[in-house]
Amino acid sequence: MKKILLTLTLIFALVAPLNATAAIKAGASCKSAGQTSTYAGKKYTCINSGKKLIWNKGVSIPAPKPSVNPSPTPTAIGDPVGAVGGTPTPTPTPTPRIDPTKPKEFDKCVTNSGDVIGYSRYEVLVILMCNQWDDRYTPRPGGDPVDQATGKVMASPLGSMNQTLEYKNQSSITQKATSAITQQSELGAVTQCKIADAGPLGDIPNNPQRHLSSGFPLYPERAVLTKSPTIQVIAIDFPDLVGTKTPTEDLKEVTSFVSDFYLKQSTNPIEIRWSIPASYFRMPKTIDAYDLSGDIFKGGFKPDNAFSYVREAIKQVDPSIDFSGASIIAVVVPPQVTRKQIGTFVAQAGEPSQAFTTNEKNIFNVLIMGGPAGDKSYELLNWAHETGHMFGLTDVRDTVDPTKQDSSDLGVFDLMNSMIAPELLAWQRFLLGILNDDQVRCVTGSSVTTHLLAPVERITTDSKMVVIPISKYKAVIIESRRNLGYDTTLGTLNEGAIVYTLDTTIGYRKSPLKIVPSPTSTDTTWRRDAALKLNQSVTIWGYKITNIESGDFGDVVKVEKVG
């Protein structure tokens, strides 16, 4: 089989949404009046002090007293052998104080893993973060409060920073927009708003990649989401890591979630097909012999080893698997694999010279499953994120230094940037072909126009996006967001019209998409208050955008050319 030396072209898994922060101190600044947080045995409350918001002195939380089971009361004195209490009342099994499936403070955690809900040392449900210095759980200072009865985050107006797989449908629309809306016939042709990607046209200086896109068209090597792409699973195990179930059983949650996630991003029905062998194929060497333990977040990742491993896996299965219908390969291993055995989940979106060869065809899109880096929600969302690269989507955050990735350009929005509000931006859907052309309102003239936008999370054929082309490679984009779909962590301050810019000349590993926050926004890191609320305006690149009506139907925005 022909061996091809490949270079690493993509490959950054999503990192945890927040890093460890400093301890809470009385008198230190906080963000929201009434916010509470538990730290070091005290419960602190954010209060007004003059014109500032500060943490109060805190109230000590008493350590829980252990319950004592009473001794059984004898029911008989004297029995055939002369014992006291011959038929005692059985001691009842004590009711567990805590949910044993949830992590606890001081438990070990996976490096760079995300926040989880678990127990503090006082057996109180809190948000736990993974300390970077000892890889153990500790309560997050300033973390969202957790409802002790339901075990769910009690979100503030800023929303929650705890990723979740929860999905919320909008059961009905009770309101109706009353504003006059500009007719589609008065707007520009949608082709004028298919902003070109500068990479293929040679307009990105020193462009390091030609495989992922932020503008039109997508590269031809990528799998096409609207054409029912097939993911061919190569299921392998090792002499020292043996699969105990079938690959179909082991991958049931992955295949279900990834397929469902992209189906719910699409206006029209789509299908991702999975071809999974009946059993695992055995690799000739132990797992450690392939030297895959390097973690891209810590350094030591060896791409050549990863690609040699893929070629060896293809060699083992090629006589038994027909790859003719596949556009993506997923190399998977039994779920008991650890991060020390395979340290990085790789998504290889190859360029024309970077194919993997099978007996039937060359394949350019390969997923390499790694050891777990977080909880179930993290792992499934990461599978969906990495699969997005197979369809041509680029990372829309700063990944220049993979150990210090920066999501501040888009904040919590879009799975290719963050797991917190993972619903894809309308622009990303347009690029993938899963947002219809007639759902895009293209503003090309100088007249004042108004636009009714349905929330991007709602599955509907209604309009969802305004695009204002600024130049060949730049545009201003507007969409509507609500706490719906997979965006169940959004707070009320991010429910409204979202404005962002697109610049496809921005190079690889930097975000071509950037939020334009509302005039009252203060969160410059996670953009949790970026939405334009009713009567708020922003001006960007010569256009003023105003939210003139808002309701459960979405938002009505007015666009005016200024200057």
Protein backbone atom coordinates (compact mmCIF):
# COMPACT_ATOMS: atom_id res chain seq x y z
CA MET A 1 0.00 0.00 0.00
CA LYS A 2 1.36 3.38 -0.97
CA LYS A 3 2.60 5.42 1.98
CA ILE A 4 2.05 9.16 1.87
CA LEU A 5 3.70 11.56 4.28
CA LEU A 6 1.01 13.85 5.59
CA THR A 7 1.32 17.13 7.38
CA LEU A 8 -0.96 18.10 10.22
CA THR A 9 -3.64 20.40 8.88
CA LEU A 10 -6.21 20.61 11.64
CA ILE A 11 -6.82 19.46 14.82
CA PHE A 12 -7.73 21.34 17.70
CA ALA A 13 -10.34 19.81 19.95
CA LEU A 14 -12.41 22.22 21.98
CA VAL A 15 -10.92 23.16 25.32
CA ALA A 16 -12.73 23.70 28.59
CA PRO A 17 -14.74 26.93 28.59
CA LEU A 18 -12.94 28.45 31.56
CA ASN A 19 -9.63 28.12 33.33
CA ALA A 20 -9.12 28.08 37.10
CA THR A 21 -9.67 31.46 38.73
CA ALA A 22 -8.63 33.14 41.95
CA ALA A 23 -10.35 32.54 45.28
CA ILE A 24 -13.26 34.74 46.30
CA LYS A 25 -12.38 37.47 48.80
CA ALA A 26 -14.71 39.71 50.75
CA GLY A 27 -14.76 43.16 49.13
CA ALA A 28 -13.59 41.88 45.74
CA SER A 29 -15.65 42.91 42.70
CA CYS A 30 -18.42 40.68 41.35
CA LYS A 31 -20.76 40.92 38.36
CA SER A 32 -24.41 40.52 39.35
CA ALA A 33 -26.24 41.65 42.49
CA GLY A 34 -27.71 38.68 44.33
CA GLN A 35 -25.23 36.23 42.80
CA THR A 36 -24.00 33.68 45.34
CA SER A 37 -20.99 31.42 45.45
CA THR A 38 -19.63 28.89 47.91
CA TYR A 39 -15.91 28.87 48.59
CA ALA A 40 -13.72 27.55 51.43
CA GLY A 41 -16.63 26.82 53.73
CA LYS A 42 -18.45 30.13 53.29
CA LYS A 43 -21.36 31.28 51.14
CA TYR A 44 -20.71 34.72 49.60
CA THR A 45 -23.33 37.07 48.13
CA CYS A 46 -22.76 39.83 45.58
CA ILE A 47 -24.09 43.13 47.05
CA ASN A 48 -24.26 46.80 46.11
CA SER A 49 -21.72 49.01 47.85
CA GLY A 50 -22.10 52.56 46.63
CA LYS A 51 -21.71 52.35 42.87
CA LYS A 52 -19.85 49.03 42.99
CA LEU A 53 -20.81 45.38 43.20
CA ILE A 54 -18.70 43.49 45.73
CA TRP A 55 -18.69 40.18 47.60
CA ASN A 56 -19.93 40.44 51.21
CA LYS A 57 -18.09 38.93 54.20
CA GLY A 58 -19.71 35.56 53.64
CA VAL A 59 -21.61 33.27 55.94
CA SER A 60 -19.98 30.13 57.32
CA ILE A 61 -21.60 26.89 56.20
CA PRO A 62 -21.68 24.44 59.09
CA ALA A 63 -20.28 21.03 58.35
CA PRO A 64 -23.06 18.44 58.19
CA LYS A 65 -23.41 16.23 61.23
CA PRO A 66 -23.33 12.53 60.48
CA SER A 67 -26.61 10.72 61.04
CA VAL A 68 -26.61 7.97 63.64
CA ASN A 69 -28.64 4.82 63.13
CA PRO A 70 -30.35 3.78 66.40
CA SER A 71 -29.56 0.36 67.82
CA PRO A 72 -32.23 -2.24 67.11
CA THR A 73 -34.77 -2.74 69.88
CA PRO A 74 -34.97 -6.34 71.15
CA THR A 75 -38.38 -7.91 70.55
CA ALA A 76 -37.81 -11.03 72.66
CA ILE A 77 -35.86 -11.91 75.79
CA GLY A 78 -34.77 -15.46 76.00
CA ASP A 79 -34.69 -17.88 73.11
CA PRO A 80 -33.70 -21.50 72.72
CA VAL A 81 -30.01 -20.61 73.18
CA GLY A 82 -30.56 -17.99 75.86
CA ALA A 83 -29.60 -14.92 73.74
CA VAL A 84 -31.05 -11.47 74.34
CA GLY A 85 -32.94 -10.08 71.35
CA GLY A 86 -33.50 -13.27 69.52
CA THR A 87 -35.63 -11.64 66.77
CA PRO A 88 -34.36 -8.03 66.40
CA THR A 89 -35.86 -5.53 63.95
CA PRO A 90 -33.55 -5.44 60.89
CA THR A 91 -31.46 -2.27 60.56
CA PRO A 92 -32.77 -0.36 57.50
CA THR A 93 -30.37 0.36 54.65
CA PRO A 94 -29.46 4.06 54.97
CA THR A 95 -30.61 6.34 52.16
CA PRO A 96 -27.57 7.69 50.28
CA ARG A 97 -26.86 11.31 51.13
CA ILE A 98 -25.46 12.09 47.70
CA ASP A 99 -25.74 10.87 44.11
CA PRO A 100 -22.78 8.48 43.72
CA THR A 101 -22.62 9.11 39.96
CA LYS A 102 -21.64 12.77 40.45
CA PRO A 103 -18.02 13.83 41.06
CA LYS A 104 -16.89 15.29 44.38
CA GLU A 105 -14.44 17.97 45.43
CA PHE A 106 -10.86 16.58 45.43
CA ASP A 107 -11.72 13.78 42.94
CA LYS A 108 -9.26 13.40 40.08
CA CYS A 109 -10.29 15.03 36.78
CA VAL A 110 -9.01 15.02 33.21
CA THR A 111 -6.63 17.88 32.42
CA ASN A 112 -8.36 20.78 30.60
CA SER A 113 -11.77 19.15 31.06
CA GLY A 114 -14.82 21.36 31.42
CA ASP A 115 -16.90 22.34 34.42
CA VAL A 116 -19.30 19.77 35.88
CA ILE A 117 -22.01 19.67 38.51
CA GLY A 118 -20.86 17.80 41.61
CA TYR A 119 -20.50 17.94 45.36
CA SER A 120 -18.37 20.21 47.52
CA ARG A 121 -16.68 18.81 50.61
CA TYR A 122 -19.85 19.80 52.49
CA GLU A 123 -21.99 17.62 50.20
CA VAL A 124 -23.60 20.65 48.56
CA LEU A 125 -24.18 20.58 44.79
CA VAL A 126 -21.96 23.17 43.12
CA ILE A 127 -20.12 23.82 39.85
CA LEU A 128 -16.78 22.03 39.99
CA MET A 129 -13.79 23.02 37.89
CA CYS A 130 -10.65 21.02 37.19
CA ASN A 131 -7.64 22.67 38.85
CA GLN A 132 -4.77 23.01 36.40
CA TRP A 133 -2.10 22.53 39.07
CA ASP A 134 -3.24 19.17 40.48
CA ASP A 135 -6.00 17.87 38.14
CA ARG A 136 -8.53 17.64 40.95
CA TYR A 137 -12.04 19.03 41.20
CA THR A 138 -12.66 22.15 43.26
CA PRO A 139 -15.70 24.46 43.50
CA ARG A 140 -15.56 27.23 40.92
CA PRO A 141 -15.37 30.66 42.55
CA GLY A 142 -18.36 32.67 41.34
CA GLY A 143 -19.89 29.60 39.69
CA ASP A 144 -23.58 29.49 38.90
CA PRO A 145 -25.76 28.27 41.79
CA VAL A 146 -27.16 24.74 41.49
CA ASP A 147 -30.71 23.79 42.46
CA GLN A 148 -30.24 21.21 45.22
CA ALA A 149 -33.54 19.48 44.40
CA THR A 150 -33.21 19.14 40.61
CA GLY A 151 -29.41 19.14 40.29
CA LYS A 152 -29.62 21.71 37.48
CA VAL A 153 -27.87 25.05 37.16
CA MET A 154 -29.92 28.07 38.23
CA ALA A 155 -28.93 30.32 35.37
CA SER A 156 -28.48 34.06 35.83
CA PRO A 157 -29.36 36.66 33.16
CA LEU A 158 -25.89 35.93 31.78
CA GLY A 159 -26.77 32.28 31.38
CA SER A 160 -24.78 29.24 32.40
CA MET A 161 -21.22 28.27 31.50
CA ASN A 162 -21.96 24.58 32.06
CA GLN A 163 -22.19 22.69 28.75
CA THR A 164 -25.19 20.40 28.35
CA LEU A 165 -26.82 18.05 25.86
CA GLU A 166 -30.29 19.31 26.77
CA TYR A 167 -32.49 20.26 23.80
CA LYS A 168 -35.52 22.56 24.08
CA ASN A 169 -38.31 22.77 21.50
CA GLN A 170 -40.47 25.87 21.07
CA SER A 171 -43.94 24.42 21.47
CA SER A 172 -45.85 27.40 20.11
CA ILE A 173 -45.55 31.02 19.04
CA THR A 174 -47.99 33.27 20.88
CA GLN A 175 -46.89 36.66 19.54
CA LYS A 176 -46.86 38.23 16.08
CA ALA A 177 -44.61 40.96 14.72
CA THR A 178 -46.47 44.11 13.68
CA SER A 179 -43.68 46.04 11.96
CA ALA A 180 -43.72 46.57 8.19
CA ILE A 181 -41.16 44.20 6.64
CA THR A 182 -39.22 44.93 3.45
CA GLN A 183 -40.27 42.59 0.66
CA GLN A 184 -37.72 40.03 -0.55
CA SER A 185 -38.12 41.44 -4.08
CA GLU A 186 -36.70 44.77 -2.87
CA LEU A 187 -33.47 43.13 -1.67
CA GLY A 188 -30.38 41.94 -3.50
CA ALA A 189 -29.94 38.53 -5.08
CA VAL A 190 -28.68 35.94 -2.62
CA THR A 191 -25.69 35.21 -4.88
CA GLN A 192 -24.36 38.66 -3.98
CA CYS A 193 -24.23 37.57 -0.34
CA LYS A 194 -22.28 34.34 -0.88
CA ILE A 195 -19.08 35.96 0.32
CA ALA A 196 -15.99 34.40 -1.27
CA ASP A 197 -13.35 32.63 0.77
CA ALA A 198 -10.05 34.45 0.27
CA GLY A 199 -7.91 31.34 0.74
CA PRO A 200 -8.46 29.52 -2.57
CA LEU A 201 -8.07 32.82 -4.45
CA GLY A 202 -4.62 33.50 -3.04
CA ASP A 203 -5.65 36.59 -1.09
CA ILE A 204 -4.45 35.45 2.35
CA PRO A 205 -0.74 36.28 2.71
CA ASN A 206 1.32 33.20 3.65
CA ASN A 207 -1.84 31.10 3.85
CA PRO A 208 -0.87 27.93 5.78
CA GLN A 209 -3.86 25.83 4.73
CA ARG A 210 -6.16 25.02 1.83
CA HIS A 211 -8.66 22.68 3.42
CA LEU A 212 -11.14 24.63 5.59
CA SER A 213 -13.33 27.57 4.67
CA SER A 214 -15.13 30.55 6.17
CA GLY A 215 -16.57 31.67 2.81
CA PHE A 216 -17.78 30.18 -0.46
CA PRO A 217 -17.06 27.67 -1.84
CA LEU A 218 -16.09 24.77 0.41
CA TYR A 219 -13.08 22.77 -0.75
CA PRO A 220 -13.98 19.81 -3.02
CA GLU A 221 -12.18 17.30 -0.76
CA ARG A 222 -14.68 17.86 2.05
CA ALA A 223 -17.71 15.65 2.68
CA VAL A 224 -20.99 17.24 1.56
CA LEU A 225 -23.51 17.32 4.40
CA THR A 226 -26.52 17.73 2.10
CA LYS A 227 -25.63 14.58 0.10
CA SER A 228 -26.07 11.97 2.86
CA PRO A 229 -22.35 11.43 3.52
CA THR A 230 -21.20 8.02 4.77
CA ILE A 231 -18.81 7.76 7.72
CA GLN A 232 -16.98 4.45 7.43
CA VAL A 233 -15.99 3.29 10.89
CA ILE A 234 -12.71 1.40 11.24
CA ALA A 235 -13.16 -0.32 14.61
CA ILE A 236 -9.88 -1.67 15.96
CA ASP A 237 -8.67 -3.09 19.24
CA PHE A 238 -5.33 -4.31 20.55
CA PRO A 239 -3.89 -7.34 22.33
CA ASP A 240 -3.92 -5.26 25.54
CA LEU A 241 -7.14 -3.28 24.87
CA VAL A 242 -9.83 -5.68 23.75
CA GLY A 243 -13.35 -4.70 22.78
CA THR A 244 -15.95 -6.42 24.95
CA LYS A 245 -19.04 -5.29 23.03
CA THR A 246 -19.77 -4.72 19.35
CA PRO A 247 -18.63 -1.42 17.80
CA THR A 248 -22.28 -0.58 17.11
CA GLU A 249 -23.09 -0.88 20.82
CA ASP A 250 -20.03 1.12 21.86
CA LEU A 251 -20.77 3.92 19.38
CA LYS A 252 -24.54 4.08 19.88
CA GLU A 253 -24.53 7.42 21.74
CA VAL A 254 -21.97 8.98 19.35
CA THR A 255 -23.77 8.05 16.14
CA SER A 256 -27.14 9.09 17.56
CA PHE A 257 -26.00 12.46 18.88
CA VAL A 258 -23.83 13.54 15.92
CA SER A 259 -26.56 12.62 13.42
CA ASP A 260 -29.27 14.33 15.48
CA PHE A 261 -27.20 17.46 16.07
CA TYR A 262 -26.69 18.16 12.37
CA LEU A 263 -30.26 17.17 11.51
CA LYS A 264 -31.50 19.81 13.95
CA GLN A 265 -29.21 22.46 12.43
CA SER A 266 -30.78 21.91 9.01
CA THR A 267 -33.92 23.43 7.52
CA ASN A 268 -34.50 20.34 5.38
CA PRO A 269 -34.13 16.68 6.38
CA ILE A 270 -30.57 15.38 6.05
CA GLU A 271 -28.93 12.08 6.90
CA ILE A 272 -25.46 11.11 8.05
CA ARG A 273 -24.89 7.44 7.30
CA TRP A 274 -22.67 5.28 9.50
CA SER A 275 -21.14 2.06 8.19
CA ILE A 276 -19.94 0.05 11.20
CA PRO A 277 -18.32 -3.40 11.11
CA ALA A 278 -19.86 -6.20 13.17
CA SER A 279 -16.78 -6.62 15.35
CA TYR A 280 -13.42 -5.08 16.16
CA PHE A 281 -10.37 -5.79 14.01
CA ARG A 282 -7.23 -6.66 15.95
CA MET A 283 -4.13 -4.51 15.50
CA PRO A 284 -0.81 -6.43 15.44
CA LYS A 285 0.87 -4.46 18.25
CA THR A 286 -0.06 -3.24 21.71
CA ILE A 287 -1.63 0.20 21.87
CA ASP A 288 1.42 1.83 23.48
CA ALA A 289 3.60 0.62 20.60
CA TYR A 290 1.92 3.18 18.32
CA ASP A 291 3.11 6.05 20.57
CA LEU A 292 -0.13 8.05 20.47
CA SER A 293 -0.06 9.43 24.02
CA GLY A 294 0.94 13.00 23.07
CA ASP A 295 -1.65 15.54 24.15
CA ILE A 296 -1.92 18.56 21.85
CA PHE A 297 -2.90 20.72 24.83
CA LYS A 298 0.29 19.81 26.70
CA GLY A 299 2.69 19.31 23.81
CA GLY A 300 4.16 16.07 22.60
CA PHE A 301 1.55 15.28 19.95
CA LYS A 302 3.19 13.49 17.01
CA PRO A 303 1.12 13.81 13.82
CA ASP A 304 3.30 11.41 11.81
CA ASN A 305 2.62 8.70 14.41
CA ALA A 306 -1.12 9.38 14.22
CA PHE A 307 -1.17 9.12 10.44
CA SER A 308 0.99 5.97 10.40
CA TYR A 309 -1.49 4.47 12.85
CA VAL A 310 -4.37 5.27 10.46
CA ARG A 311 -2.53 3.66 7.54
CA GLU A 312 -1.88 0.52 9.61
CA ALA A 313 -5.57 0.39 10.61
CA ILE A 314 -6.63 0.70 6.95
CA LYS A 315 -4.21 -2.11 6.07
CA GLN A 316 -5.84 -4.41 8.64
CA VAL A 317 -9.41 -3.82 7.45
CA ASP A 318 -9.04 -3.08 3.72
CA PRO A 319 -9.61 -6.69 2.58
CA SER A 320 -12.89 -6.79 4.53
CA ILE A 321 -14.35 -3.28 4.11
CA ASP A 322 -15.54 -1.67 0.87
CA PHE A 323 -14.69 2.05 1.08
CA SER A 324 -16.26 3.00 -2.25
CA GLY A 325 -19.21 4.83 -0.67
CA ALA A 326 -17.29 6.51 2.15
CA SER A 327 -16.39 10.19 2.30
CA ILE A 328 -15.15 10.11 5.92
CA ILE A 329 -13.19 7.50 7.89
CA ALA A 330 -13.51 7.27 11.68
CA VAL A 331 -10.84 5.18 13.42
CA VAL A 332 -12.36 4.12 16.72
CA VAL A 333 -11.24 1.95 19.64
CA PRO A 334 -13.01 0.40 22.63
CA PRO A 335 -14.40 3.03 25.05
CA GLN A 336 -12.14 1.98 27.92
CA VAL A 337 -9.21 3.68 26.13
CA THR A 338 -7.48 6.30 28.29
CA ARG A 339 -6.00 9.70 27.55
CA LYS A 340 -2.57 8.28 28.35
CA GLN A 341 -2.97 5.73 25.56
CA ILE A 342 -4.39 8.07 22.87
CA GLY A 343 -3.89 11.65 23.99
CA THR A 344 -5.49 13.62 21.13
CA PHE A 345 -8.73 13.40 19.16
CA VAL A 346 -7.64 14.21 15.62
CA ALA A 347 -9.71 15.56 12.74
CA GLN A 348 -7.61 15.38 9.57
CA ALA A 349 -9.21 17.38 6.75
CA GLY A 350 -6.63 16.66 4.08
CA GLU A 351 -5.54 18.77 1.14
CA PRO A 352 -5.24 17.27 -2.37
CA SER A 353 -1.82 15.75 -1.64
CA GLN A 354 -2.86 14.36 1.76
CA ALA A 355 -5.11 11.42 0.98
CA PHE A 356 -5.33 8.08 2.75
CA THR A 357 -5.37 5.28 0.20
CA THR A 358 -7.77 2.33 0.30
CA ASN A 359 -8.32 -0.40 -2.28
CA GLU A 360 -11.34 1.46 -3.63
CA LYS A 361 -10.48 5.16 -3.44
CA ASN A 362 -8.52 7.94 -1.78
CA ILE A 363 -10.17 9.45 1.29
CA PHE A 364 -9.27 12.91 2.58
CA ASN A 365 -11.38 13.16 5.75
CA VAL A 366 -10.35 11.16 8.81
CA LEU A 367 -11.38 11.21 12.46
CA ILE A 368 -9.06 9.55 15.02
CA MET A 369 -10.80 8.86 18.32
CA GLY A 370 -8.79 9.75 21.42
CA GLY A 371 -9.10 8.96 25.08
CA PRO A 372 -11.81 10.85 26.99
CA ALA A 373 -11.03 14.47 27.88
CA GLY A 374 -14.20 15.30 29.79
CA ASP A 375 -17.66 14.12 30.77
CA LYS A 376 -20.31 12.65 28.47
CA SER A 377 -21.55 16.04 27.26
CA TYR A 378 -18.02 17.14 26.40
CA GLU A 379 -17.22 13.94 24.52
CA LEU A 380 -20.39 13.96 22.39
CA LEU A 381 -20.16 17.68 21.61
CA ASN A 382 -16.51 17.21 20.69
CA TRP A 383 -17.45 14.41 18.27
CA ALA A 384 -19.93 16.81 16.62
CA HIS A 385 -17.31 19.59 16.54
CA GLU A 386 -14.63 17.42 14.92
CA THR A 387 -17.15 16.05 12.42
CA GLY A 388 -17.86 19.67 11.46
CA HIS A 389 -14.30 19.89 10.15
CA MET A 390 -15.03 16.92 7.88
CA PHE A 391 -17.73 19.08 6.24
CA GLY A 392 -15.30 21.99 5.78
CA LEU A 393 -15.97 24.25 8.76
CA THR A 394 -12.95 25.96 10.30
CA ASP A 395 -12.32 26.69 13.97
CA VAL A 396 -13.78 30.12 14.69
CA ARG A 397 -11.60 30.95 17.67
CA ASP A 398 -7.93 31.75 18.21
CA THR A 399 -5.97 28.48 18.21
CA VAL A 400 -2.50 29.88 17.50
CA ASP A 401 -1.39 28.50 20.87
CA PRO A 402 -3.46 25.33 21.43
CA THR A 403 -2.72 25.45 25.17
CA LYS A 404 -4.25 28.94 25.46
CA GLN A 405 -7.15 29.01 23.03
CA ASP A 406 -9.22 32.21 22.98
CA SER A 407 -12.95 32.21 22.22
CA SER A 408 -13.55 35.91 22.90
CA ASP A 409 -14.26 36.82 19.24
CA LEU A 410 -17.54 34.86 19.34
CA GLY A 411 -17.88 34.20 23.07
CA VAL A 412 -20.24 31.33 23.84
CA PHE A 413 -21.64 31.02 20.31
CA ASP A 414 -21.21 28.23 17.71
CA LEU A 415 -19.92 24.70 18.26
CA MET A 416 -16.84 25.36 16.09
CA ASN A 417 -15.89 27.87 18.80
CA SER A 418 -17.54 26.82 22.07
CA MET A 419 -19.69 24.07 23.58
CA ILE A 420 -21.70 26.50 25.73
CA ALA A 421 -24.20 27.72 23.08
CA PRO A 422 -23.42 25.13 20.38
CA GLU A 423 -26.14 25.92 17.85
CA LEU A 424 -24.30 26.80 14.63
CA LEU A 425 -24.36 30.40 13.46
CA ALA A 426 -26.70 31.06 10.54
CA TRP A 427 -23.66 31.84 8.37
CA GLN A 428 -22.16 28.41 9.05
CA ARG A 429 -25.44 26.74 8.08
CA PHE A 430 -25.58 28.81 4.88
CA LEU A 431 -22.04 27.71 4.05
CA LEU A 432 -22.91 24.05 4.59
CA GLY A 433 -26.03 24.32 2.43
CA ILE A 434 -28.40 23.46 5.29
CA LEU A 435 -29.93 26.97 5.41
CA ASN A 436 -32.01 27.62 2.30
CA ASP A 437 -31.17 30.54 0.01
CA ASP A 438 -34.66 31.99 0.53
CA GLN A 439 -33.98 32.20 4.28
CA VAL A 440 -31.23 34.75 3.62
CA ARG A 441 -32.04 38.46 3.20
CA CYS A 442 -29.30 40.16 1.17
CA VAL A 443 -29.00 43.93 1.72
CA THR A 444 -27.11 45.57 -1.14
CA GLY A 445 -28.70 49.00 -1.56
CA SER A 446 -28.68 52.21 0.48
CA SER A 447 -32.39 52.24 1.36
CA VAL A 448 -33.59 51.65 4.90
CA THR A 449 -34.82 48.07 5.21
CA THR A 450 -36.55 46.03 7.92
CA HIS A 451 -36.27 42.28 8.44
CA LEU A 452 -38.16 39.70 10.52
CA LEU A 453 -35.78 36.96 11.67
CA ALA A 454 -36.84 33.70 13.30
CA PRO A 455 -34.58 32.37 16.07
CA VAL A 456 -31.76 30.41 14.48
CA GLU A 457 -32.41 27.50 16.85
CA ARG A 458 -36.00 26.96 15.62
CA ILE A 459 -36.46 24.44 12.79
CA THR A 460 -38.44 26.50 10.26
CA THR A 461 -38.39 27.74 6.68
CA ASP A 462 -38.76 31.36 7.84
CA SER A 463 -35.99 33.91 7.24
CA LYS A 464 -33.08 33.54 9.66
CA MET A 465 -30.24 35.78 8.48
CA VAL A 466 -29.47 39.23 7.09
CA VAL A 467 -26.20 39.57 5.16
CA ILE A 468 -24.80 42.99 4.24
CA PRO A 469 -21.89 42.51 1.81
CA ILE A 470 -19.19 45.11 2.43
CA SER A 471 -16.62 43.89 -0.08
CA LYS A 472 -15.60 40.73 -1.89
CA TYR A 473 -14.44 39.13 1.36
CA LYS A 474 -16.33 41.00 4.08
CA ALA A 475 -19.90 41.20 5.36
CA VAL A 476 -22.00 42.23 8.35
CA ILE A 477 -24.39 39.49 9.46
CA ILE A 478 -27.47 39.55 11.72
CA GLU A 479 -29.43 36.68 13.23
CA SER A 480 -31.83 36.06 16.14
CA ARG A 481 -31.04 33.91 19.20
CA ARG A 482 -33.22 32.42 21.94
CA ASN A 483 -32.88 29.92 24.77
CA LEU A 484 -34.00 27.12 22.47
CA GLY A 485 -32.60 24.05 20.76
CA TYR A 486 -29.15 23.22 22.08
CA ASP A 487 -28.74 26.82 23.31
CA THR A 488 -30.37 26.06 26.67
CA THR A 489 -27.51 27.76 28.53
CA LEU A 490 -28.26 31.19 27.03
CA GLY A 491 -29.28 33.83 29.55
CA THR A 492 -31.84 36.51 28.82
CA LEU A 493 -29.07 39.02 28.02
CA ASN A 494 -28.17 36.96 24.94
CA GLU A 495 -31.74 36.57 23.69
CA GLY A 496 -32.19 39.07 20.89
CA ALA A 497 -30.53 40.11 17.64
CA ILE A 498 -26.91 39.01 17.31
CA VAL A 499 -24.64 41.07 15.03
CA TYR A 500 -21.27 39.82 13.82
CA THR A 501 -18.74 40.48 11.06
CA LEU A 502 -17.19 38.13 8.53
CA ASP A 503 -13.72 38.69 7.06
CA THR A 504 -12.46 35.69 5.08
CA THR A 505 -8.99 37.23 4.65
CA ILE A 506 -8.26 36.49 8.31
CA GLY A 507 -5.75 33.67 8.36
CA TYR A 508 -6.03 30.13 9.68
CA ARG A 509 -6.09 29.70 13.49
CA LYS A 510 -7.74 33.13 13.91
CA SER A 511 -11.50 33.69 13.89
CA PRO A 512 -12.93 35.18 10.68
CA LEU A 513 -16.20 35.79 12.57
CA LYS A 514 -16.42 38.42 15.34
CA ILE A 515 -19.33 39.49 17.53
CA VAL A 516 -20.38 43.15 17.48
CA PRO A 517 -21.70 43.48 21.04
CA SER A 518 -24.62 45.57 22.19
CA PRO A 519 -23.83 49.05 23.56
CA THR A 520 -24.54 47.86 27.12
CA SER A 521 -22.37 44.74 26.93
CA THR A 522 -19.67 44.31 29.58
CA ASP A 523 -18.61 40.67 29.08
CA THR A 524 -15.65 40.94 26.70
CA THR A 525 -14.56 37.32 27.15
CA TRP A 526 -17.65 35.13 26.69
CA ARG A 527 -20.02 37.73 25.15
CA ARG A 528 -22.90 36.55 27.35
CA ASP A 529 -24.67 39.93 27.03
CA ALA A 530 -23.99 40.62 23.35
CA ALA A 531 -27.55 40.58 22.00
CA LEU A 532 -29.26 43.72 20.78
CA LYS A 533 -32.36 44.13 22.90
CA LEU A 534 -35.43 46.18 21.94
CA ASN A 535 -34.51 49.71 20.70
CA GLN A 536 -30.77 49.07 20.98
CA SER A 537 -28.47 49.87 18.03
CA VAL A 538 -24.92 49.27 16.88
CA THR A 539 -23.03 50.84 13.99
CA ILE A 540 -20.40 48.83 12.15
CA TRP A 541 -18.67 49.22 8.76
CA GLY A 542 -21.01 51.99 7.64
CA TYR A 543 -24.32 50.41 8.69
CA LYS A 544 -26.57 51.03 11.68
CA ILE A 545 -28.53 48.02 12.93
CA THR A 546 -31.44 48.52 15.36
CA ASN A 547 -33.69 45.98 17.05
CA ILE A 548 -37.15 47.53 16.59
CA GLU A 549 -39.38 44.65 17.71
CA SER A 550 -38.79 41.49 19.73
CA GLY A 551 -40.92 38.55 20.86
CA ASP A 552 -41.17 34.78 20.86
CA PHE A 553 -41.37 35.05 17.05
CA GLY A 554 -37.79 36.33 16.97
CA ASP A 555 -36.58 39.87 16.21
CA VAL A 556 -37.31 42.62 13.71
CA VAL A 557 -34.19 44.60 12.78
CA LYS A 558 -33.82 47.83 10.85
CA VAL A 559 -30.75 48.33 8.66
CA GLU A 560 -29.62 51.84 7.66
CA LYS A 561 -26.60 52.92 5.66
CA VAL A 562 -24.82 55.76 7.48
CA GLY A 563 -21.82 57.99 6.85
